[in-house]
Amino acid sequence: MLKNKRCVVFSFCLFAVACSNKQLYQHVQKHNERECLKHITVNYESCRQAANKQSYEEYEKQRKQQINDK
């Protein structure tokens, strides 16, 4: 699990330079969805739904709202 987190952090740093925020957000969502495949016996569908909880647009709206509330 620690190795996966390192991989995600490394990927995040690597793509942060080359990708837009939206592309990066989508990349992380796809990674989380792929992680669900490793746990297919647990409950793949609920894992996948949690990984794709909100679109980038919803995420960005919520993020901006939280920034404005501070």
Protein backbone atom coordinates (compact mmCIF):
# COMPACT_ATOMS: atom_id res chain seq x y z
CA MET A 1 0.00 0.00 0.00
CA LEU A 2 2.86 2.37 0.82
CA LYS A 3 4.35 1.62 -2.58
CA ASN A 4 1.06 2.62 -4.23
CA LYS A 5 1.00 5.89 -2.34
CA ARG A 6 4.55 6.66 -3.42
CA CYS A 7 3.60 5.90 -6.99
CA VAL A 8 0.61 8.23 -6.79
CA VAL A 9 2.70 11.01 -5.25
CA PHE A 10 5.41 10.59 -7.87
CA SER A 11 2.81 10.56 -10.66
CA PHE A 12 1.19 13.63 -9.19
CA CYS A 13 4.49 15.53 -9.14
CA LEU A 14 5.39 14.40 -12.63
CA PHE A 15 2.09 15.31 -14.20
CA ALA A 16 1.62 18.52 -12.21
CA VAL A 17 4.18 20.18 -14.43
CA ALA A 18 2.76 18.95 -17.72
CA CYS A 19 -0.99 18.73 -17.15
CA SER A 20 -3.85 21.02 -16.33
CA ASN A 21 -5.64 20.67 -13.02
CA LYS A 22 -8.52 18.92 -14.74
CA GLN A 23 -6.27 16.37 -16.43
CA LEU A 24 -4.49 15.70 -13.17
CA TYR A 25 -7.77 15.27 -11.30
CA GLN A 26 -8.99 12.83 -13.95
CA HIS A 27 -5.71 10.90 -13.79
CA VAL A 28 -6.06 10.46 -10.02
CA GLN A 29 -9.66 9.31 -10.44
CA LYS A 30 -8.62 6.72 -13.02
CA HIS A 31 -5.84 5.51 -10.73
CA ASN A 32 -8.32 5.10 -7.88
CA GLU A 33 -10.65 3.19 -10.18
CA ARG A 34 -7.79 0.87 -11.22
CA GLU A 35 -7.06 0.27 -7.54
CA CYS A 36 -10.63 -1.01 -7.19
CA LEU A 37 -9.82 -3.79 -9.65
CA LYS A 38 -7.30 -5.15 -7.17
CA HIS A 39 -10.07 -5.52 -4.60
CA ILE A 40 -12.75 -6.93 -6.85
CA THR A 41 -13.76 -9.55 -4.30
CA VAL A 42 -14.57 -6.90 -1.69
CA ASN A 43 -17.15 -4.85 -3.57
CA TYR A 44 -15.92 -3.48 -6.87
CA GLU A 45 -18.99 -1.40 -7.67
CA SER A 46 -19.07 0.55 -4.40
CA CYS A 47 -15.30 1.09 -4.64
CA ARG A 48 -15.65 2.39 -8.20
CA GLN A 49 -18.48 4.73 -7.24
CA ALA A 50 -16.41 6.14 -4.39
CA ALA A 51 -13.48 6.66 -6.77
CA ASN A 52 -15.71 8.60 -9.18
CA LYS A 53 -17.64 10.45 -6.53
CA GLN A 54 -17.70 13.80 -8.27
CA SER A 55 -16.78 15.32 -11.59
CA TYR A 56 -13.91 17.77 -11.92
CA GLU A 57 -16.40 20.61 -12.37
CA GLU A 58 -18.15 19.70 -9.09
CA TYR A 59 -14.78 19.36 -7.36
CA GLU A 60 -13.59 22.75 -8.66
CA LYS A 61 -16.83 24.46 -7.62
CA GLN A 62 -16.59 22.98 -4.11
CA ARG A 63 -12.89 23.88 -3.86
CA LYS A 64 -13.50 27.52 -4.86
CA GLN A 65 -16.41 27.77 -2.45
CA GLN A 66 -14.24 26.54 0.42
CA ILE A 67 -11.52 29.02 -0.48
CA ASN A 68 -14.04 31.88 -0.53
CA ASP A 69 -15.48 30.81 2.83
CA LYS A 70 -12.12 31.25 4.57
